[in-house]
N, C-alpha and C. Protein backbone atom coordinates (compact mmCIF):
# COMPACT_ATOMS: atom_id res chain seq x y z
N MET A 1 82.48 9.54 76.54
CA MET A 1 82.21 8.56 77.57
C MET A 1 81.11 7.62 77.08
N ASN A 2 81.40 6.35 77.05
CA ASN A 2 80.43 5.36 76.61
C ASN A 2 79.88 4.59 77.80
N THR A 3 78.59 4.36 77.77
CA THR A 3 77.92 3.61 78.83
C THR A 3 77.14 2.48 78.20
N ARG A 4 77.17 1.34 78.84
CA ARG A 4 76.62 0.12 78.26
C ARG A 4 75.49 -0.43 79.11
N ALA A 5 74.54 -1.08 78.43
CA ALA A 5 73.48 -1.83 79.11
C ALA A 5 73.33 -3.15 78.36
N LYS A 6 73.17 -4.23 79.12
CA LYS A 6 73.04 -5.56 78.52
C LYS A 6 71.75 -6.20 78.99
N LEU A 7 71.19 -6.99 78.09
CA LEU A 7 70.03 -7.81 78.42
C LEU A 7 70.29 -9.18 77.82
N ARG A 8 70.27 -10.20 78.67
CA ARG A 8 70.64 -11.54 78.22
C ARG A 8 69.45 -12.48 78.33
N GLY A 9 69.37 -13.40 77.36
CA GLY A 9 68.35 -14.44 77.40
C GLY A 9 66.95 -13.98 77.07
N VAL A 10 66.83 -13.02 76.16
CA VAL A 10 65.52 -12.49 75.77
C VAL A 10 64.84 -13.47 74.82
N ARG A 11 63.56 -13.71 75.00
CA ARG A 11 62.81 -14.62 74.13
C ARG A 11 62.46 -13.91 72.83
N LEU A 12 63.46 -13.74 71.99
CA LEU A 12 63.32 -13.06 70.71
C LEU A 12 64.40 -13.63 69.80
N SER A 13 64.06 -13.87 68.54
CA SER A 13 65.08 -14.38 67.63
C SER A 13 66.03 -13.24 67.25
N THR A 14 67.26 -13.61 66.93
CA THR A 14 68.26 -12.59 66.61
C THR A 14 67.91 -11.85 65.33
N GLN A 15 67.34 -12.54 64.37
CA GLN A 15 67.00 -11.90 63.10
C GLN A 15 65.96 -10.79 63.32
N LYS A 16 64.96 -11.07 64.13
CA LYS A 16 63.92 -10.07 64.39
C LYS A 16 64.47 -8.93 65.25
N GLY A 17 65.38 -9.24 66.15
CA GLY A 17 65.99 -8.20 66.97
C GLY A 17 66.88 -7.29 66.16
N ARG A 18 67.61 -7.86 65.21
CA ARG A 18 68.52 -7.05 64.39
C ARG A 18 67.77 -6.11 63.46
N LEU A 19 66.58 -6.50 63.03
CA LEU A 19 65.78 -5.60 62.19
C LEU A 19 65.46 -4.31 62.94
N VAL A 20 65.16 -4.41 64.22
CA VAL A 20 64.85 -3.24 65.03
C VAL A 20 66.13 -2.48 65.38
N ALA A 21 67.20 -3.22 65.66
CA ALA A 21 68.47 -2.59 66.03
C ALA A 21 69.01 -1.72 64.90
N ASP A 22 68.81 -2.15 63.66
CA ASP A 22 69.30 -1.38 62.52
C ASP A 22 68.58 -0.04 62.38
N LEU A 23 67.36 0.04 62.91
CA LEU A 23 66.60 1.29 62.81
C LEU A 23 67.20 2.41 63.66
N ILE A 24 67.82 2.05 64.80
CA ILE A 24 68.24 3.09 65.74
C ILE A 24 69.76 3.27 65.83
N ARG A 25 70.51 2.44 65.17
CA ARG A 25 71.98 2.53 65.26
C ARG A 25 72.46 3.88 64.73
N GLY A 26 73.23 4.61 65.55
CA GLY A 26 73.79 5.89 65.15
C GLY A 26 72.88 7.08 65.37
N LYS A 27 71.66 6.88 65.80
CA LYS A 27 70.71 7.97 66.01
C LYS A 27 70.91 8.59 67.40
N THR A 28 70.39 9.79 67.57
CA THR A 28 70.39 10.37 68.91
C THR A 28 69.39 9.61 69.77
N VAL A 29 69.54 9.75 71.07
CA VAL A 29 68.69 9.02 72.00
C VAL A 29 67.22 9.42 71.84
N GLU A 30 66.99 10.69 71.64
CA GLU A 30 65.61 11.17 71.48
C GLU A 30 64.96 10.59 70.22
N GLN A 31 65.70 10.58 69.11
CA GLN A 31 65.17 10.00 67.88
C GLN A 31 64.94 8.50 68.04
N ALA A 32 65.87 7.82 68.68
CA ALA A 32 65.76 6.36 68.86
C ALA A 32 64.54 6.00 69.70
N LEU A 33 64.31 6.73 70.78
CA LEU A 33 63.13 6.47 71.62
C LEU A 33 61.85 6.71 70.84
N ASN A 34 61.84 7.74 70.01
CA ASN A 34 60.67 8.05 69.21
C ASN A 34 60.39 6.95 68.18
N ILE A 35 61.45 6.46 67.53
CA ILE A 35 61.30 5.39 66.55
C ILE A 35 60.77 4.13 67.21
N LEU A 36 61.35 3.78 68.36
CA LEU A 36 60.96 2.55 69.05
C LEU A 36 59.54 2.63 69.62
N GLN A 37 59.12 3.82 70.00
CA GLN A 37 57.77 3.97 70.56
C GLN A 37 56.70 3.67 69.53
N PHE A 38 56.94 4.02 68.27
CA PHE A 38 55.91 3.86 67.25
C PHE A 38 56.15 2.66 66.33
N SER A 39 57.14 1.86 66.63
CA SER A 39 57.38 0.65 65.84
C SER A 39 56.47 -0.47 66.34
N PRO A 40 55.81 -1.21 65.45
CA PRO A 40 54.86 -2.23 65.87
C PRO A 40 55.52 -3.57 66.24
N LYS A 41 56.83 -3.67 66.18
CA LYS A 41 57.50 -4.95 66.39
C LYS A 41 57.70 -5.26 67.87
N LYS A 42 57.73 -6.56 68.18
CA LYS A 42 57.95 -7.00 69.55
C LYS A 42 59.33 -6.58 70.06
N GLY A 43 60.32 -6.65 69.18
CA GLY A 43 61.68 -6.29 69.56
C GLY A 43 61.81 -4.82 69.93
N ALA A 44 60.94 -3.97 69.41
CA ALA A 44 61.01 -2.54 69.71
C ALA A 44 60.73 -2.28 71.19
N VAL A 45 59.81 -3.01 71.77
CA VAL A 45 59.48 -2.84 73.19
C VAL A 45 60.67 -3.26 74.05
N ILE A 46 61.29 -4.37 73.69
CA ILE A 46 62.42 -4.89 74.46
C ILE A 46 63.64 -3.98 74.34
N ILE A 47 63.96 -3.55 73.12
CA ILE A 47 65.13 -2.70 72.92
C ILE A 47 64.91 -1.33 73.52
N ARG A 48 63.67 -0.86 73.55
CA ARG A 48 63.39 0.43 74.20
C ARG A 48 63.73 0.37 75.69
N LYS A 49 63.41 -0.74 76.34
CA LYS A 49 63.73 -0.88 77.76
C LYS A 49 65.24 -0.91 77.99
N VAL A 50 65.97 -1.57 77.09
CA VAL A 50 67.43 -1.60 77.21
C VAL A 50 68.00 -0.20 77.00
N LEU A 51 67.46 0.53 76.03
CA LEU A 51 67.92 1.89 75.77
C LEU A 51 67.65 2.80 76.97
N GLU A 52 66.48 2.69 77.56
CA GLU A 52 66.17 3.50 78.75
C GLU A 52 67.10 3.15 79.91
N SER A 53 67.47 1.88 80.02
CA SER A 53 68.41 1.47 81.05
C SER A 53 69.79 2.06 80.81
N ALA A 54 70.24 2.06 79.55
CA ALA A 54 71.54 2.64 79.22
C ALA A 54 71.56 4.14 79.49
N ILE A 55 70.45 4.81 79.20
CA ILE A 55 70.36 6.25 79.46
C ILE A 55 70.44 6.51 80.96
N ALA A 56 69.73 5.71 81.75
CA ALA A 56 69.75 5.88 83.20
C ALA A 56 71.15 5.59 83.75
N ASN A 57 71.83 4.58 83.20
CA ASN A 57 73.19 4.28 83.64
C ASN A 57 74.13 5.44 83.33
N ALA A 58 73.98 6.03 82.15
CA ALA A 58 74.84 7.14 81.75
C ALA A 58 74.62 8.36 82.65
N GLU A 59 73.37 8.60 82.97
CA GLU A 59 73.05 9.77 83.80
C GLU A 59 73.51 9.57 85.24
N HIS A 60 73.24 8.39 85.79
CA HIS A 60 73.54 8.16 87.21
C HIS A 60 75.02 7.86 87.45
N ASN A 61 75.61 6.98 86.66
CA ASN A 61 76.97 6.54 86.93
C ASN A 61 78.03 7.50 86.38
N ASP A 62 77.77 8.07 85.20
CA ASP A 62 78.78 8.90 84.55
C ASP A 62 78.44 10.39 84.56
N GLY A 63 77.24 10.76 84.99
CA GLY A 63 76.85 12.16 85.01
C GLY A 63 76.73 12.77 83.63
N ALA A 64 76.33 11.98 82.64
CA ALA A 64 76.25 12.46 81.26
C ALA A 64 75.00 13.30 81.05
N ASP A 65 75.09 14.19 80.06
CA ASP A 65 73.95 15.00 79.66
C ASP A 65 73.11 14.19 78.66
N ILE A 66 71.85 13.99 78.97
CA ILE A 66 70.99 13.13 78.16
C ILE A 66 70.79 13.68 76.76
N ASP A 67 70.76 14.99 76.62
CA ASP A 67 70.50 15.61 75.32
C ASP A 67 71.62 15.37 74.32
N GLU A 68 72.83 15.06 74.79
CA GLU A 68 73.97 14.87 73.89
C GLU A 68 74.23 13.41 73.56
N LEU A 69 73.50 12.49 74.16
CA LEU A 69 73.77 11.06 73.98
C LEU A 69 73.30 10.56 72.62
N LYS A 70 74.08 9.62 72.07
CA LYS A 70 73.74 8.94 70.82
C LYS A 70 73.89 7.44 71.05
N VAL A 71 73.21 6.66 70.23
CA VAL A 71 73.37 5.21 70.26
C VAL A 71 74.63 4.91 69.45
N THR A 72 75.74 4.66 70.14
CA THR A 72 77.00 4.43 69.44
C THR A 72 77.08 3.03 68.87
N SER A 73 76.58 2.04 69.59
CA SER A 73 76.57 0.68 69.05
C SER A 73 75.44 -0.12 69.68
N ILE A 74 74.90 -1.04 68.91
CA ILE A 74 73.90 -1.97 69.41
C ILE A 74 74.17 -3.31 68.73
N CYS A 75 74.21 -4.35 69.55
CA CYS A 75 74.58 -5.67 69.06
C CYS A 75 73.55 -6.68 69.56
N VAL A 76 73.01 -7.47 68.65
CA VAL A 76 72.05 -8.52 68.99
C VAL A 76 72.69 -9.85 68.62
N GLU A 77 73.05 -10.64 69.63
CA GLU A 77 73.73 -11.91 69.41
C GLU A 77 72.84 -13.07 69.79
N ARG A 78 73.12 -14.22 69.19
CA ARG A 78 72.32 -15.41 69.44
C ARG A 78 72.61 -15.96 70.83
N GLY A 79 71.54 -16.34 71.53
CA GLY A 79 71.67 -17.00 72.82
C GLY A 79 71.37 -18.47 72.68
N SER A 80 71.09 -19.12 73.78
CA SER A 80 70.77 -20.54 73.74
C SER A 80 69.33 -20.74 73.30
N PHE A 81 68.98 -21.98 73.01
CA PHE A 81 67.63 -22.31 72.58
C PHE A 81 66.89 -22.99 73.72
N LEU A 82 65.63 -22.65 73.90
CA LEU A 82 64.76 -23.43 74.77
C LEU A 82 64.24 -24.58 73.92
N ARG A 83 64.57 -25.80 74.32
CA ARG A 83 64.19 -26.96 73.51
C ARG A 83 62.92 -27.56 74.08
N ARG A 84 61.91 -27.66 73.23
CA ARG A 84 60.63 -28.26 73.60
C ARG A 84 60.33 -29.38 72.62
N PHE A 85 59.47 -30.31 73.01
CA PHE A 85 59.12 -31.43 72.14
C PHE A 85 57.61 -31.53 72.03
N ARG A 86 57.18 -31.91 70.85
CA ARG A 86 55.77 -32.04 70.54
C ARG A 86 55.52 -33.46 70.05
N ALA A 87 54.44 -34.05 70.47
CA ALA A 87 54.14 -35.42 70.09
C ALA A 87 53.81 -35.51 68.60
N GLN A 88 54.35 -36.57 67.97
CA GLN A 88 54.07 -36.85 66.58
C GLN A 88 53.47 -38.25 66.47
N SER A 89 53.16 -38.63 65.27
CA SER A 89 52.57 -39.95 65.06
C SER A 89 53.60 -41.05 65.30
N LYS A 90 53.12 -42.25 65.56
CA LYS A 90 53.94 -43.46 65.77
C LYS A 90 54.90 -43.32 66.94
N GLY A 91 54.51 -42.56 67.95
CA GLY A 91 55.33 -42.45 69.16
C GLY A 91 56.56 -41.59 69.04
N ARG A 92 56.65 -40.81 67.99
CA ARG A 92 57.82 -39.96 67.80
C ARG A 92 57.59 -38.60 68.45
N GLY A 93 58.67 -37.86 68.51
CA GLY A 93 58.58 -36.49 69.02
C GLY A 93 59.26 -35.54 68.05
N ALA A 94 58.69 -34.37 67.87
CA ALA A 94 59.28 -33.36 66.98
C ALA A 94 59.84 -32.23 67.85
N ALA A 95 61.07 -31.85 67.57
CA ALA A 95 61.72 -30.81 68.36
C ALA A 95 61.19 -29.43 67.98
N ILE A 96 60.99 -28.61 68.98
CA ILE A 96 60.63 -27.21 68.78
C ILE A 96 61.71 -26.38 69.47
N ASN A 97 62.44 -25.58 68.71
CA ASN A 97 63.50 -24.74 69.27
C ASN A 97 62.99 -23.31 69.40
N LYS A 98 63.01 -22.81 70.62
CA LYS A 98 62.59 -21.43 70.86
C LYS A 98 63.84 -20.59 71.11
N PRO A 99 64.19 -19.72 70.16
CA PRO A 99 65.47 -19.01 70.26
C PRO A 99 65.45 -17.89 71.29
N THR A 100 66.63 -17.59 71.82
CA THR A 100 66.82 -16.44 72.70
C THR A 100 67.97 -15.61 72.12
N CYS A 101 68.12 -14.40 72.62
CA CYS A 101 69.22 -13.56 72.16
C CYS A 101 69.73 -12.69 73.29
N HIS A 102 70.92 -12.14 73.09
CA HIS A 102 71.55 -11.22 74.03
C HIS A 102 71.67 -9.86 73.35
N ILE A 103 71.21 -8.82 74.02
CA ILE A 103 71.25 -7.47 73.46
C ILE A 103 72.24 -6.63 74.26
N THR A 104 73.19 -6.02 73.56
CA THR A 104 74.15 -5.11 74.18
C THR A 104 74.04 -3.76 73.49
N LEU A 105 73.75 -2.73 74.26
CA LEU A 105 73.53 -1.39 73.71
C LEU A 105 74.49 -0.42 74.39
N THR A 106 75.16 0.40 73.59
CA THR A 106 76.09 1.39 74.12
C THR A 106 75.67 2.78 73.69
N VAL A 107 75.58 3.68 74.65
CA VAL A 107 75.28 5.08 74.35
C VAL A 107 76.50 5.91 74.75
N GLY A 108 76.72 6.98 74.00
CA GLY A 108 77.86 7.86 74.29
C GLY A 108 77.63 9.23 73.71
N ASP A 109 78.51 10.14 74.08
CA ASP A 109 78.38 11.52 73.61
C ASP A 109 79.40 11.84 72.52
N GLY A 110 80.13 10.85 72.03
CA GLY A 110 81.07 11.07 70.95
C GLY A 110 82.49 11.35 71.42
N ARG A 111 82.66 11.63 72.72
CA ARG A 111 84.00 11.87 73.27
C ARG A 111 84.50 10.59 73.90
N LYS A 112 85.81 10.50 74.11
CA LYS A 112 86.38 9.31 74.75
C LYS A 112 86.43 9.45 76.24
């Protein structure tokens, strides 16, 4: 049984999010939470919250046993950009793109 949690529009670049996602892919839930707790990256805090949400969804909606859950898949996709402008010389403006991403995390016990 697979259970999913999504977080959309996070103020984090996809490259930085994928670095953290690669650390926990395929690990048990307990190991993943431990890795994320001691990782110094900003994405670790965000992905930890998504993982805790997926665990709560699995327990409440599907009645899954938390001890048997694994991170079956985690996907960090590019979202839209927050476009900002900064003043430059001679009346020009320089664009500042602030990236966002969408995080989809699936936990399961290995059975269908």
